[in-house]
Amino acid sequence: MLSTIYEDSDLWVLNKPAGMPTVRLPNSSQISIADILLEKHPNQSAVGSMQDCGIVHRLDNHTTGCLVVAKTNDAYQHLRQQFDQNQITKRYTALVVGQLTDTGQVTITISHMQHRATRMKCTPIGGQTAHTLWTTTRRYPISKLGAAGFSLADIQITTGVRHQIRVHMAHEGYPLAGDSLYQSRNIRNCDRLQLPHYLLHAREIEFTSPSSGQRIQCRADLADLFTTTLKRLDEIVKRH
């Protein structure tokens, strides 16, 4: 279900559910956020491009949480400029495989993987600039669910490259739990939560209002699957 976290005359901040693409994917009939916006607000077709219907940025298909949508072209351009100039603060919650270090950061550039359009990769030369920082908030050293266990992390990105968090964390050896695209075969064998998809939640976004110039901060509650998975891990830890 698509719900609204914040609304004013310039924009909406929506709470994106898992399993729904931000825009319609090529050769796909799956309903997207853009499709829902057009159905409810037909004038959104004139905001931004026809494809994005005012959606200012993208979240991956199974990423949940804060998604900003402009109502006017002026607001769209103002917000896009903030994203392009890295003036937006974006904070995520992620469940990763392994015992993550207390803090860390990755600055390796990211590019498309040749011959596999759906996948990105870290590359030391060329590619798009990407900066990811993390702080570990909880560890689950559970051998029953895999020798590596799991960690809960607060993640902040100052850039916005496709699959950035997923690619950077996998490069560091801590792929997202349930992320079959970026887990190695060995790690997939350790990741025994059997999740239907990875757990990555855009929990907070902060930006400048196009009209007032004031900073606006919005937060989204964790999705149900994320919440129930953490409860499950807590229960297993208590039993061990």
Protein backbone atom coordinates (compact mmCIF):
# COMPACT_ATOMS: atom_id res chain seq x y z
CA MET A 1 0.00 0.00 0.00
CA LEU A 2 1.25 3.47 -0.95
CA SER A 3 0.90 6.01 1.88
CA THR A 4 1.83 9.69 2.26
CA ILE A 5 4.36 10.71 4.92
CA TYR A 6 4.37 14.43 4.17
CA GLU A 7 2.59 16.82 1.79
CA ASP A 8 2.64 20.53 1.03
CA SER A 9 1.93 22.69 -2.02
CA ASP A 10 5.25 21.69 -3.64
CA LEU A 11 5.58 17.98 -3.06
CA TRP A 12 4.67 14.67 -1.50
CA VAL A 13 6.97 12.34 0.43
CA LEU A 14 5.58 8.84 -0.09
CA ASN A 15 6.29 5.63 1.82
CA LYS A 16 7.26 3.24 -0.96
CA PRO A 17 6.39 -0.44 -0.43
CA ALA A 18 8.63 -3.34 -1.43
CA GLY A 19 8.12 -5.04 -4.76
CA MET A 20 6.87 -1.96 -6.62
CA PRO A 21 9.18 -0.24 -9.12
CA THR A 22 9.45 3.52 -9.00
CA VAL A 23 8.72 3.82 -12.73
CA ARG A 24 7.45 1.30 -15.26
CA LEU A 25 10.23 -1.09 -16.24
CA PRO A 26 10.90 -1.83 -19.93
CA ASN A 27 8.78 -4.69 -21.31
CA SER A 28 6.97 -5.04 -17.99
CA SER A 29 3.30 -4.84 -17.07
CA GLN A 30 4.04 -4.43 -13.35
CA ILE A 31 2.32 -1.43 -11.77
CA SER A 32 4.76 1.30 -10.69
CA ILE A 33 4.63 4.28 -8.35
CA ALA A 34 4.42 6.52 -11.43
CA ASP A 35 1.37 4.59 -12.66
CA ILE A 36 -0.43 5.12 -9.35
CA LEU A 37 0.44 8.83 -9.35
CA LEU A 38 -0.96 9.24 -12.87
CA GLU A 39 -4.17 7.46 -11.97
CA LYS A 40 -4.76 9.64 -8.90
CA HIS A 41 -3.28 12.88 -10.26
CA PRO A 42 -3.39 12.98 -14.10
CA ASN A 43 -1.68 16.39 -14.18
CA GLN A 44 1.51 14.73 -12.91
CA SER A 45 2.20 13.70 -16.51
CA ALA A 46 3.33 17.30 -17.10
CA VAL A 47 5.79 17.35 -14.17
CA GLY A 48 9.36 16.31 -14.86
CA SER A 49 9.42 13.77 -17.65
CA MET A 50 6.47 11.68 -18.80
CA GLN A 51 8.18 8.61 -17.39
CA ASP A 52 8.79 9.85 -13.84
CA CYS A 53 5.63 11.96 -13.34
CA GLY A 54 7.38 14.26 -10.88
CA ILE A 55 9.30 11.55 -9.00
CA VAL A 56 12.56 13.26 -8.10
CA HIS A 57 14.73 10.21 -7.41
CA ARG A 58 14.56 6.42 -7.60
CA LEU A 59 14.46 3.62 -5.07
CA ASP A 60 15.24 0.04 -6.08
CA ASN A 61 12.33 -2.32 -6.59
CA HIS A 62 12.43 -3.88 -3.10
CA THR A 63 13.74 -0.84 -1.23
CA THR A 64 11.08 0.67 1.02
CA GLY A 65 10.63 4.10 2.57
CA CYS A 66 10.88 7.80 1.72
CA LEU A 67 10.32 8.79 -1.91
CA VAL A 68 10.02 12.46 -2.93
CA VAL A 69 7.57 13.54 -5.65
CA ALA A 70 7.30 17.12 -6.92
CA LYS A 71 3.89 18.58 -7.76
CA THR A 72 5.17 21.33 -10.07
CA ASN A 73 8.01 21.71 -12.55
CA ASP A 74 9.54 24.51 -10.48
CA ALA A 75 9.62 22.26 -7.42
CA TYR A 76 10.94 19.38 -9.53
CA GLN A 77 13.87 21.43 -10.85
CA HIS A 78 14.65 22.82 -7.38
CA LEU A 79 14.69 19.36 -5.80
CA ARG A 80 16.61 17.77 -8.68
CA GLN A 81 19.29 20.43 -8.27
CA GLN A 82 19.59 19.53 -4.59
CA PHE A 83 20.05 15.86 -5.48
CA ASP A 84 22.57 16.65 -8.23
CA GLN A 85 24.58 18.83 -5.86
CA ASN A 86 24.44 16.28 -3.00
CA GLN A 87 22.45 18.65 -0.77
CA ILE A 88 19.95 15.96 0.23
CA THR A 89 20.56 13.91 3.39
CA LYS A 90 19.52 10.28 2.92
CA ARG A 91 19.65 7.73 5.72
CA TYR A 92 18.85 4.03 5.38
CA THR A 93 18.48 0.97 7.57
CA ALA A 94 19.89 -2.28 6.19
CA LEU A 95 20.26 -5.87 7.37
CA VAL A 96 23.53 -7.34 6.11
CA VAL A 97 25.19 -10.74 6.27
CA GLY A 98 28.20 -10.88 8.58
CA GLN A 99 29.55 -9.19 11.70
CA LEU A 100 29.88 -5.64 10.40
CA THR A 101 32.56 -3.34 11.80
CA ASP A 102 31.37 -0.54 14.11
CA THR A 103 31.74 2.17 11.46
CA GLY A 104 33.07 2.42 7.94
CA GLN A 105 32.83 4.06 4.58
CA VAL A 106 33.26 3.20 0.91
CA THR A 107 34.20 5.65 -1.84
CA ILE A 108 34.84 3.30 -4.77
CA THR A 109 33.18 4.34 -8.02
CA ILE A 110 30.38 2.24 -9.51
CA SER A 111 29.64 1.32 -13.12
CA HIS A 112 27.35 -0.97 -15.10
CA MET A 113 28.46 -4.56 -15.50
CA GLN A 114 28.98 -5.48 -19.13
CA HIS A 115 26.65 -8.13 -20.55
CA ARG A 116 24.41 -7.97 -17.47
CA ALA A 117 22.19 -4.91 -17.55
CA THR A 118 20.54 -5.53 -14.17
CA ARG A 119 23.80 -5.55 -12.21
CA MET A 120 26.30 -2.88 -11.16
CA LYS A 121 29.92 -3.27 -10.01
CA CYS A 122 32.66 -1.43 -8.15
CA THR A 123 35.44 -0.26 -10.43
CA PRO A 124 38.71 1.52 -9.50
CA ILE A 125 38.80 3.39 -12.82
CA GLY A 126 35.95 5.38 -14.31
CA GLY A 127 32.37 4.86 -13.22
CA GLN A 128 30.17 7.14 -11.12
CA THR A 129 31.32 8.72 -7.88
CA ALA A 130 29.69 7.02 -4.88
CA HIS A 131 30.10 7.56 -1.14
CA THR A 132 28.54 5.28 1.48
CA LEU A 133 28.97 5.49 5.27
CA TRP A 134 27.68 3.08 7.90
CA THR A 135 27.30 2.69 11.64
CA THR A 136 26.44 -0.71 13.10
CA THR A 137 23.53 -0.63 15.56
CA ARG A 138 23.03 -4.35 16.31
CA ARG A 139 24.79 -7.65 15.67
CA TYR A 140 23.24 -11.10 15.50
CA PRO A 141 26.05 -13.69 15.87
CA ILE A 142 23.77 -16.64 15.15
CA SER A 143 25.56 -19.76 13.94
CA LYS A 144 22.26 -21.58 13.45
CA LEU A 145 21.38 -19.16 10.66
CA GLY A 146 24.81 -19.21 9.08
CA ALA A 147 28.37 -18.93 10.31
CA ALA A 148 28.53 -15.25 9.45
CA GLY A 149 25.45 -14.12 11.37
CA PHE A 150 23.86 -10.76 10.59
CA SER A 151 24.21 -7.05 11.42
CA LEU A 152 21.81 -4.12 11.43
CA ALA A 153 23.28 -0.91 10.07
CA ASP A 154 22.43 2.76 9.75
CA ILE A 155 23.68 3.83 6.34
CA GLN A 156 24.06 7.31 4.89
CA ILE A 157 24.80 8.05 1.26
CA THR A 158 25.91 11.42 -0.06
CA THR A 159 25.51 10.34 -3.69
CA GLY A 160 22.79 8.45 -5.53
CA VAL A 161 24.13 5.76 -7.86
CA ARG A 162 21.96 2.83 -8.92
CA HIS A 163 22.21 -0.06 -6.40
CA GLN A 164 24.84 1.96 -4.51
CA ILE A 165 24.33 0.56 -1.01
CA ARG A 166 23.89 -2.99 -2.26
CA VAL A 167 27.04 -2.85 -4.40
CA HIS A 168 29.24 -1.11 -1.83
CA MET A 169 28.25 -3.37 1.07
CA ALA A 170 28.76 -6.49 -1.04
CA HIS A 171 32.18 -5.17 -2.11
CA GLU A 172 33.13 -4.81 1.57
CA GLY A 173 32.08 -8.43 2.22
CA TYR A 174 28.74 -7.63 3.90
CA PRO A 175 26.01 -8.01 1.27
CA LEU A 176 22.43 -7.31 2.19
CA ALA A 177 20.54 -10.25 3.64
CA GLY A 178 18.30 -11.73 0.96
CA ASP A 179 20.11 -9.98 -1.90
CA SER A 180 20.54 -12.81 -4.39
CA LEU A 181 21.88 -10.43 -7.07
CA TYR A 182 24.97 -9.37 -5.12
CA GLN A 183 25.64 -12.25 -2.73
CA SER A 184 28.41 -14.68 -3.63
CA ARG A 185 27.56 -18.37 -3.72
CA ASN A 186 29.36 -18.95 -0.40
CA ILE A 187 27.47 -16.14 1.31
CA ARG A 188 24.15 -17.31 -0.14
CA ASN A 189 24.81 -20.63 1.58
CA CYS A 190 25.31 -18.77 4.89
CA ASP A 191 22.24 -16.56 4.48
CA ARG A 192 19.56 -18.91 5.75
CA LEU A 193 16.86 -16.44 6.64
CA GLN A 194 15.21 -17.34 3.31
CA LEU A 195 13.90 -13.83 2.81
CA PRO A 196 11.81 -13.12 -0.31
CA HIS A 197 14.01 -10.07 -1.03
CA TYR A 198 16.73 -7.89 0.50
CA LEU A 199 15.96 -5.62 3.47
CA LEU A 200 16.85 -2.00 2.74
CA HIS A 201 14.73 0.85 4.06
CA ALA A 202 15.02 4.57 3.21
CA ARG A 203 14.06 5.63 6.70
CA GLU A 204 14.87 9.36 6.58
CA ILE A 205 15.31 12.11 4.03
CA GLU A 206 16.10 15.78 4.60
CA PHE A 207 15.92 18.50 1.95
CA THR A 208 15.23 22.22 1.49
CA SER A 209 11.66 23.32 0.74
CA PRO A 210 11.45 24.83 -2.76
CA SER A 211 9.08 27.56 -1.49
CA SER A 212 10.09 28.44 2.07
CA GLY A 213 13.79 27.59 1.99
CA GLN A 214 13.38 25.74 5.30
CA ARG A 215 14.85 22.28 5.81
CA ILE A 216 12.26 19.49 5.88
CA GLN A 217 12.99 16.14 7.52
CA CYS A 218 10.76 13.10 6.92
CA ARG A 219 10.90 9.61 8.40
CA ALA A 220 9.28 6.34 7.38
CA ASP A 221 8.55 3.42 9.73
CA LEU A 222 10.14 0.08 8.90
CA ALA A 223 8.16 -2.18 6.59
CA ASP A 224 6.40 -5.18 8.14
CA LEU A 225 8.83 -7.77 6.75
CA PHE A 226 11.80 -5.86 8.13
CA THR A 227 10.16 -5.56 11.58
CA THR A 228 9.15 -9.22 11.78
CA THR A 229 12.61 -10.35 10.62
CA LEU A 230 14.31 -8.34 13.39
CA LYS A 231 11.91 -9.78 15.96
CA ARG A 232 12.71 -13.25 14.66
CA LEU A 233 16.44 -12.61 15.02
CA ASP A 234 16.00 -11.23 18.53
CA GLU A 235 14.07 -14.35 19.55
CA ILE A 236 16.74 -16.65 18.14
CA VAL A 237 19.47 -14.72 19.97
CA LYS A 238 17.58 -15.07 23.25
CA ARG A 239 17.33 -18.85 22.78
CA HIS A 240 21.08 -19.10 22.24
